[in-house]
Amino acid sequence: MENIEAEKRNIAELAHDYVETYIKLTVANVSQKAADFSAAASLGIVAGLIGFFVLMFLGIAASFWVAGMVKSNAGGFLIVSAFYILVLIILYATRKKIIYPLIRNIIVKSIYD
C-alpha cells in the first residue's frame, strides 16, 4: 500500500515538473519570437527609411532629367509626379489581391519560423 502511495506522489511530482518545464519552454519560445519580431521590425524601419530617401532622390533626379528633355522644370516635375500618382493608383487598386496577402504571408511566416 505504501508503494502505491509513493508511486502516486512520484507521478504527481513528475507531472508538476513536466508542467513547470513546459511553461518555461513556452516563455522561452515567446521571448525568442518577440526578439525576432523586434529585430525584423527595426530592420524594416531602417530599410524603409533608406528606401524612402533613395526613391526621393531618384525622383528628384528623374524630374530634372525629364525637365531637361522637355525644357521646362515644372513640366519635368509634373510628369514624374504623374508617374508616381499612376503607381499609387495601381497599388491602391491591387491592394486586396496582391499587397495585403503579401504582407500577411510575410508576417505569418516570421511568426511561425
Protein backbone atom coordinates (compact mmCIF):
# COMPACT_ATOMS: atom_id res chain seq x y z
CA MET A 1 0.00 0.00 0.00
CA GLU A 2 2.84 2.36 0.83
CA ASN A 3 4.39 1.55 -2.52
CA ILE A 4 1.28 2.70 -4.37
CA GLU A 5 1.10 5.94 -2.37
CA ALA A 6 4.79 6.61 -3.03
CA GLU A 7 4.27 5.98 -6.75
CA LYS A 8 1.29 8.36 -6.79
CA ARG A 9 3.40 11.09 -5.17
CA ASN A 10 6.25 10.39 -7.58
CA ILE A 11 3.91 10.60 -10.58
CA ALA A 12 2.39 13.83 -9.23
CA GLU A 13 5.85 15.34 -8.76
CA LEU A 14 6.88 14.28 -12.26
CA ALA A 15 3.70 15.78 -13.71
CA HIS A 16 4.32 19.02 -11.80
CA ASP A 17 7.91 19.15 -13.07
CA TYR A 18 6.70 18.47 -16.60
CA VAL A 19 4.18 21.33 -16.45
CA GLU A 20 6.79 23.69 -14.99
CA THR A 21 9.27 22.77 -17.72
CA TYR A 22 6.61 23.20 -20.40
CA ILE A 23 5.73 26.66 -19.08
CA LYS A 24 9.40 27.67 -19.05
CA LEU A 25 9.84 26.37 -22.60
CA THR A 26 6.78 28.30 -23.75
CA VAL A 27 8.08 31.50 -22.16
CA ALA A 28 11.45 30.97 -23.84
CA ASN A 29 9.78 30.41 -27.23
CA VAL A 30 7.61 33.50 -26.87
CA SER A 31 10.63 35.56 -25.84
CA GLN A 32 12.56 34.31 -28.86
CA LYS A 33 9.67 35.15 -31.20
CA ALA A 34 9.35 38.63 -29.67
CA ALA A 35 13.08 39.23 -30.08
CA ASP A 36 12.98 38.04 -33.69
CA PHE A 37 9.95 40.23 -34.42
CA SER A 38 11.51 43.33 -32.86
CA ALA A 39 14.75 42.78 -34.77
CA ALA A 40 12.84 42.33 -38.03
CA ALA A 41 10.72 45.40 -37.30
CA SER A 42 13.79 47.51 -36.58
CA LEU A 43 15.45 46.33 -39.77
CA GLY A 44 12.25 47.02 -41.69
CA ILE A 45 12.04 50.57 -40.36
CA VAL A 46 15.67 51.33 -41.21
CA ALA A 47 15.32 49.75 -44.66
CA GLY A 48 12.09 51.67 -45.22
CA LEU A 49 13.73 54.99 -44.34
CA ILE A 50 16.71 54.31 -46.57
CA GLY A 51 14.38 53.21 -49.37
CA PHE A 52 12.31 56.37 -48.94
CA PHE A 53 15.33 58.63 -49.30
CA VAL A 54 16.67 56.65 -52.26
CA LEU A 55 13.32 56.92 -54.04
CA MET A 56 13.05 60.61 -53.16
CA PHE A 57 16.46 61.45 -54.60
CA LEU A 58 15.89 59.24 -57.65
CA GLY A 59 12.58 61.04 -58.18
CA ILE A 60 14.25 64.43 -57.97
CA ALA A 61 16.99 63.30 -60.36
CA ALA A 62 14.42 61.86 -62.77
CA SER A 63 12.44 65.10 -62.58
CA PHE A 64 15.46 67.17 -63.54
CA TRP A 65 16.34 64.70 -66.30
CA VAL A 66 12.82 64.84 -67.74
CA ALA A 67 12.84 68.63 -67.26
CA GLY A 68 15.96 68.82 -69.43
CA MET A 69 14.22 66.79 -72.11
CA VAL A 70 11.03 68.89 -72.15
CA LYS A 71 12.90 72.16 -71.49
CA SER A 72 10.67 73.00 -68.52
CA ASN A 73 11.43 72.40 -64.85
CA ALA A 74 7.77 72.44 -63.93
CA GLY A 75 6.92 70.06 -66.77
CA GLY A 76 9.59 67.58 -65.69
CA PHE A 77 8.38 67.55 -62.09
CA LEU A 78 4.74 67.25 -63.22
CA ILE A 79 5.49 64.29 -65.49
CA VAL A 80 7.38 62.42 -62.74
CA SER A 81 4.62 63.29 -60.25
CA ALA A 82 2.03 61.93 -62.68
CA PHE A 83 4.05 58.70 -62.91
CA TYR A 84 4.09 58.42 -59.10
CA ILE A 85 0.34 59.04 -58.97
CA LEU A 86 -0.18 56.28 -61.57
CA VAL A 87 1.93 53.87 -59.48
CA LEU A 88 -0.08 54.85 -56.39
CA ILE A 89 -3.37 54.19 -58.18
CA ILE A 90 -2.15 50.77 -59.36
CA LEU A 91 -1.03 49.87 -55.82
CA TYR A 92 -4.35 51.03 -54.39
CA ALA A 93 -6.32 49.06 -56.97
CA THR A 94 -4.39 45.84 -56.31
CA ARG A 95 -4.11 46.16 -52.52
CA LYS A 96 -6.67 43.46 -51.65
CA LYS A 97 -5.43 40.90 -54.19
CA ILE A 98 -1.67 41.45 -54.03
CA ILE A 99 -0.49 43.80 -51.27
CA TYR A 100 -2.50 42.55 -48.26
CA PRO A 101 -1.86 38.82 -48.91
CA LEU A 102 1.85 39.51 -49.43
CA ILE A 103 2.17 41.41 -46.15
CA ARG A 104 0.01 38.87 -44.30
CA ASN A 105 2.15 35.98 -45.58
CA ILE A 106 5.36 37.73 -44.54
CA ILE A 107 4.00 38.31 -41.02
CA VAL A 108 2.72 34.75 -40.62
CA LYS A 109 5.99 33.33 -41.95
CA SER A 110 8.00 35.43 -39.49
CA ILE A 111 5.83 34.26 -36.60
CA TYR A 112 5.96 30.54 -37.41
CA ASP A 113 9.63 30.31 -38.45
